[in-house]
Amino acid sequence: MTDTKTALVTGANKGIGYEIAAGLGARGYRVAVGARDQARGEAAVKQLRDAGVDAFVVPLDVTSDRGVAEAAHLLDRLDVLVNNAGIAGPMGPDWAQDPTTLDLDVVRAVVDTNVYGVIRVTNAMLPLLRRSASPRIVNVSSSVGSLAWQADPTVEVGPIMAVYAPTKSYLNAITVHYARQFAGTGILINAVCPGLVATDFTGFFGRPPQEGAAAAIRLATLPDDGPTGTFSNDDGVIPW
């Protein structure tokens, strides 16, 4: 078996996910581009290969039990998993989501992607990760997932996002429990906030995706004595 490490990034055909894949590829990782749309995934792989990255597409819908299981069978090894795929659900003006008018079907769909999708993919990939000498898992969260900041009137956390934000709080919580479960196994799992990044998710408002990807890349390449069960951004630890 080659010594080249393999990383799987979900939702990697565009935006932050693409830049995480590109950054890991530039560091010598073989990158599996997880993409729900295979054609878009193949287009991203071509672009990565043109830049010198060893990349290949993995068709992956994180909401599908069967699809995730099939994706796991396509991999012969896995050292890094970056759970990046996520959705916000419908938003009103200024990205607002009013808790008093929520459509529960929308809530279920966002939770299925942002939380259940992470659990589904992580558990399917665990047999591969357990065979790695330095397994790393990074869950892409958001500052709006911080309950401490959301509850503090002195902290500017943006509009009320009653669907998206709680899914990130849930993601943060499950990250902590995975970290506890993995204690002593060598698997390091952390949540990361990329910040406000200019992608189609934000209407291309924010900083460049390459900058947003940096913290996730750092956590994906932690040394063996690195932290686990943390929530951080470029500036350091974020309160849960």
Protein backbone atom coordinates (compact mmCIF):
# COMPACT_ATOMS: atom_id res chain seq x y z
CA MET A 1 0.00 0.00 0.00
CA THR A 2 1.24 3.48 -0.83
CA ASP A 3 2.24 5.77 2.02
CA THR A 4 0.26 8.62 0.49
CA LYS A 5 -2.55 9.62 2.81
CA THR A 6 -6.11 9.80 1.50
CA ALA A 7 -8.63 12.45 2.47
CA LEU A 8 -12.37 12.48 1.76
CA VAL A 9 -14.06 15.88 1.68
CA THR A 10 -17.85 15.91 1.39
CA GLY A 11 -19.45 18.65 -0.67
CA ALA A 12 -16.07 19.22 -2.30
CA ASN A 13 -17.06 20.17 -5.82
CA LYS A 14 -17.29 23.89 -4.98
CA GLY A 15 -16.76 26.58 -2.37
CA ILE A 16 -15.04 25.85 0.92
CA GLY A 17 -15.07 22.10 0.31
CA TYR A 18 -13.23 22.50 -2.97
CA GLU A 19 -10.59 24.69 -1.36
CA ILE A 20 -10.14 22.22 1.51
CA ALA A 21 -9.60 19.49 -1.09
CA ALA A 22 -7.17 21.70 -2.99
CA GLY A 23 -5.25 22.59 0.16
CA LEU A 24 -4.92 18.99 1.28
CA GLY A 25 -3.92 17.97 -2.24
CA ALA A 26 -1.21 20.62 -2.26
CA ARG A 27 0.11 19.03 0.93
CA GLY A 28 0.47 15.69 -0.78
CA TYR A 29 -2.81 14.02 0.12
CA ARG A 30 -4.74 11.92 -2.36
CA VAL A 31 -8.14 13.58 -2.32
CA ALA A 32 -11.55 11.98 -2.73
CA VAL A 33 -13.97 14.64 -3.91
CA GLY A 34 -17.34 13.78 -2.40
CA ALA A 35 -20.07 15.21 -4.59
CA ARG A 36 -23.81 14.61 -4.82
CA ASP A 37 -23.73 15.50 -8.52
CA GLN A 38 -21.17 13.27 -10.26
CA ALA A 39 -20.74 15.60 -13.26
CA ARG A 40 -19.90 18.51 -10.99
CA GLY A 41 -17.60 16.28 -9.00
CA GLU A 42 -15.78 15.21 -12.14
CA ALA A 43 -15.42 18.85 -13.20
CA ALA A 44 -13.87 19.67 -9.82
CA VAL A 45 -11.53 16.69 -10.07
CA LYS A 46 -10.35 17.84 -13.50
CA GLN A 47 -9.61 21.29 -12.11
CA LEU A 48 -7.74 19.81 -9.17
CA ARG A 49 -5.73 17.48 -11.39
CA ASP A 50 -4.84 20.41 -13.66
CA ALA A 51 -3.37 22.02 -10.53
CA GLY A 52 -1.30 18.92 -9.80
CA VAL A 53 -3.56 17.32 -7.17
CA ASP A 54 -4.07 13.56 -7.07
CA ALA A 55 -7.88 13.63 -6.95
CA PHE A 56 -10.80 11.39 -7.82
CA VAL A 57 -14.56 11.73 -7.51
CA VAL A 58 -16.71 9.80 -5.05
CA PRO A 59 -20.46 10.07 -5.75
CA LEU A 60 -21.85 10.88 -2.32
CA ASP A 61 -25.26 12.02 -1.13
CA VAL A 62 -24.85 12.31 2.63
CA THR A 63 -28.61 11.86 3.15
CA SER A 64 -28.61 8.39 1.56
CA ASP A 65 -27.75 5.34 3.66
CA ARG A 66 -27.13 3.27 0.55
CA GLY A 67 -25.16 6.00 -1.20
CA VAL A 68 -22.88 6.53 1.79
CA ALA A 69 -22.27 2.80 2.14
CA GLU A 70 -21.41 2.56 -1.55
CA ALA A 71 -19.03 5.51 -1.22
CA ALA A 72 -17.19 3.76 1.60
CA HIS A 73 -16.68 0.69 -0.60
CA LEU A 74 -15.03 2.86 -3.26
CA LEU A 75 -12.17 3.74 -0.91
CA ASP A 76 -9.22 1.48 -0.18
CA ARG A 77 -7.92 3.65 2.67
CA LEU A 78 -8.87 6.80 4.52
CA ASP A 79 -6.79 8.99 6.80
CA VAL A 80 -8.79 12.22 6.86
CA LEU A 81 -12.54 12.83 6.73
CA VAL A 82 -13.81 16.37 6.36
CA ASN A 83 -17.57 16.59 6.83
CA ASN A 84 -18.17 19.76 4.87
CA ALA A 85 -21.49 19.18 3.07
CA GLY A 86 -24.26 21.36 4.45
CA ILE A 87 -27.39 23.30 3.57
CA ALA A 88 -29.16 26.26 5.15
CA GLY A 89 -32.75 25.79 4.06
CA PRO A 90 -34.96 28.65 2.80
CA MET A 91 -34.11 32.05 4.24
CA GLY A 92 -35.92 35.37 4.26
CA PRO A 93 -34.41 38.81 3.78
CA ASP A 94 -30.97 39.15 5.35
CA TRP A 95 -30.75 35.34 5.77
CA ALA A 96 -33.39 35.33 8.52
CA GLN A 97 -35.31 32.20 9.58
CA ASP A 98 -38.26 32.94 11.88
CA PRO A 99 -38.79 30.20 14.50
CA THR A 100 -42.51 31.03 14.69
CA THR A 101 -43.15 30.09 11.06
CA LEU A 102 -40.91 27.08 10.58
CA ASP A 103 -41.88 24.35 8.14
CA LEU A 104 -40.98 21.14 9.96
CA ASP A 105 -40.28 19.35 6.69
CA VAL A 106 -37.61 21.97 5.99
CA VAL A 107 -36.19 21.51 9.49
CA ARG A 108 -36.00 17.74 8.96
CA ALA A 109 -34.24 18.18 5.61
CA VAL A 110 -31.60 20.52 7.02
CA VAL A 111 -30.99 18.30 10.06
CA ASP A 112 -30.73 15.27 7.77
CA THR A 113 -27.90 16.88 5.83
CA ASN A 114 -26.09 18.89 8.48
CA VAL A 115 -26.28 16.43 11.37
CA TYR A 116 -27.53 13.00 10.35
CA GLY A 117 -25.37 13.24 7.22
CA VAL A 118 -22.27 13.74 9.34
CA ILE A 119 -23.15 10.81 11.60
CA ARG A 120 -24.01 8.64 8.60
CA VAL A 121 -20.75 9.37 6.78
CA THR A 122 -18.54 9.24 9.87
CA ASN A 123 -19.83 5.86 10.99
CA ALA A 124 -19.58 4.40 7.49
CA MET A 125 -15.97 5.55 7.16
CA LEU A 126 -14.85 4.47 10.64
CA PRO A 127 -13.57 1.02 9.60
CA LEU A 128 -11.23 2.72 7.12
CA LEU A 129 -10.20 5.47 9.55
CA ARG A 130 -9.40 2.95 12.28
CA ARG A 131 -6.79 1.40 9.99
CA SER A 132 -5.00 4.73 9.58
CA ALA A 133 -1.94 5.58 11.65
CA SER A 134 -3.13 9.18 12.12
CA PRO A 135 -6.89 9.43 11.56
CA ARG A 136 -8.44 12.88 11.59
CA ILE A 137 -12.06 14.03 11.34
CA VAL A 138 -13.07 17.66 10.83
CA ASN A 139 -16.69 18.77 11.07
CA VAL A 140 -17.35 22.09 9.34
CA SER A 141 -19.56 24.08 11.68
CA SER A 142 -20.28 27.79 12.06
CA SER A 143 -20.02 30.51 14.68
CA VAL A 144 -23.83 30.60 14.72
CA GLY A 145 -23.66 27.15 16.30
CA SER A 146 -22.20 28.64 19.48
CA LEU A 147 -24.98 28.71 22.07
CA ALA A 148 -22.81 30.91 24.29
CA TRP A 149 -22.54 33.55 21.59
CA GLN A 150 -26.17 33.22 20.51
CA ALA A 151 -27.33 33.83 24.08
CA ASP A 152 -25.00 36.79 24.68
CA PRO A 153 -26.61 40.09 23.60
CA THR A 154 -23.19 41.74 23.44
CA VAL A 155 -22.01 39.38 20.68
CA GLU A 156 -22.97 40.08 17.08
CA VAL A 157 -24.00 36.74 15.61
CA GLY A 158 -26.11 37.94 12.70
CA PRO A 159 -29.80 37.32 12.05
CA ILE A 160 -32.06 34.77 13.69
CA MET A 161 -31.46 31.53 11.78
CA ALA A 162 -33.81 29.16 13.54
CA VAL A 163 -33.14 26.22 11.21
CA TYR A 164 -29.49 26.46 10.21
CA ALA A 165 -27.95 27.65 13.49
CA PRO A 166 -29.41 24.88 15.72
CA THR A 167 -28.15 22.23 13.32
CA LYS A 168 -24.64 23.55 13.85
CA SER A 169 -25.16 23.51 17.63
CA TYR A 170 -26.24 19.87 17.29
CA LEU A 171 -23.19 19.18 15.12
CA ASN A 172 -20.94 20.72 17.77
CA ALA A 173 -22.53 18.58 20.47
CA ILE A 174 -22.15 15.34 18.54
CA THR A 175 -18.51 16.25 17.84
CA VAL A 176 -17.88 16.34 21.59
CA HIS A 177 -19.46 12.93 22.08
CA TYR A 178 -17.46 11.40 19.24
CA ALA A 179 -14.30 12.84 20.82
CA ARG A 180 -15.20 11.20 24.12
CA GLN A 181 -15.89 7.90 22.38
CA PHE A 182 -12.62 8.08 20.44
CA ALA A 183 -10.49 8.95 23.50
CA GLY A 184 -7.29 6.95 23.45
CA THR A 185 -7.85 5.58 19.92
CA GLY A 186 -5.72 8.11 18.05
CA ILE A 187 -8.73 9.49 16.16
CA LEU A 188 -8.81 13.27 16.55
CA ILE A 189 -12.14 14.94 15.79
CA ASN A 190 -12.79 18.67 15.90
CA ALA A 191 -15.36 21.20 14.74
CA VAL A 192 -14.30 24.26 12.79
CA CYS A 193 -15.81 27.61 11.86
CA PRO A 194 -14.60 28.84 8.45
CA GLY A 195 -16.08 32.30 8.96
CA LEU A 196 -18.18 34.26 6.51
CA VAL A 197 -16.95 33.02 3.13
CA ALA A 198 -17.85 34.22 -0.37
CA THR A 199 -19.69 31.22 -1.83
CA ASP A 200 -23.12 30.65 -3.35
CA PHE A 201 -24.23 29.84 0.22
CA THR A 202 -23.69 33.50 1.22
CA GLY A 203 -24.49 35.11 -2.12
CA PHE A 204 -20.73 35.41 -2.61
CA PHE A 205 -20.40 37.79 0.32
CA GLY A 206 -17.40 37.35 2.59
CA ARG A 207 -13.75 36.46 2.45
CA PRO A 208 -12.16 34.20 -0.19
CA PRO A 209 -12.89 30.46 0.13
CA GLN A 210 -9.15 29.74 0.34
CA GLU A 211 -9.04 31.69 3.61
CA GLY A 212 -12.13 29.94 4.92
CA ALA A 213 -10.56 26.55 4.23
CA ALA A 214 -7.36 27.23 6.18
CA ALA A 215 -8.60 26.31 9.66
CA ALA A 216 -10.13 23.05 8.43
CA ILE A 217 -6.88 22.12 6.69
CA ARG A 218 -4.97 22.83 9.91
CA LEU A 219 -7.22 20.51 11.89
CA ALA A 220 -7.10 17.84 9.20
CA THR A 221 -3.31 17.74 9.43
CA LEU A 222 -2.87 17.90 13.20
CA PRO A 223 0.08 16.08 14.77
CA ASP A 224 -0.68 13.03 16.91
CA ASP A 225 -0.57 15.13 20.09
CA GLY A 226 -3.04 17.66 18.68
CA PRO A 227 -6.33 18.61 20.31
CA THR A 228 -9.60 16.73 19.99
CA GLY A 229 -13.17 17.67 20.83
CA THR A 230 -12.60 21.37 20.14
CA PHE A 231 -14.50 24.10 18.28
CA SER A 232 -12.29 26.77 16.74
CA ASN A 233 -11.68 29.28 13.98
CA ASP A 234 -8.61 31.11 12.71
CA ASP A 235 -8.32 33.02 15.99
CA GLY A 236 -8.56 30.05 18.31
CA VAL A 237 -11.17 28.29 20.41
CA ILE A 238 -14.83 29.33 20.15
CA PRO A 239 -17.12 28.85 23.18
CA TRP A 240 -19.67 26.09 22.68
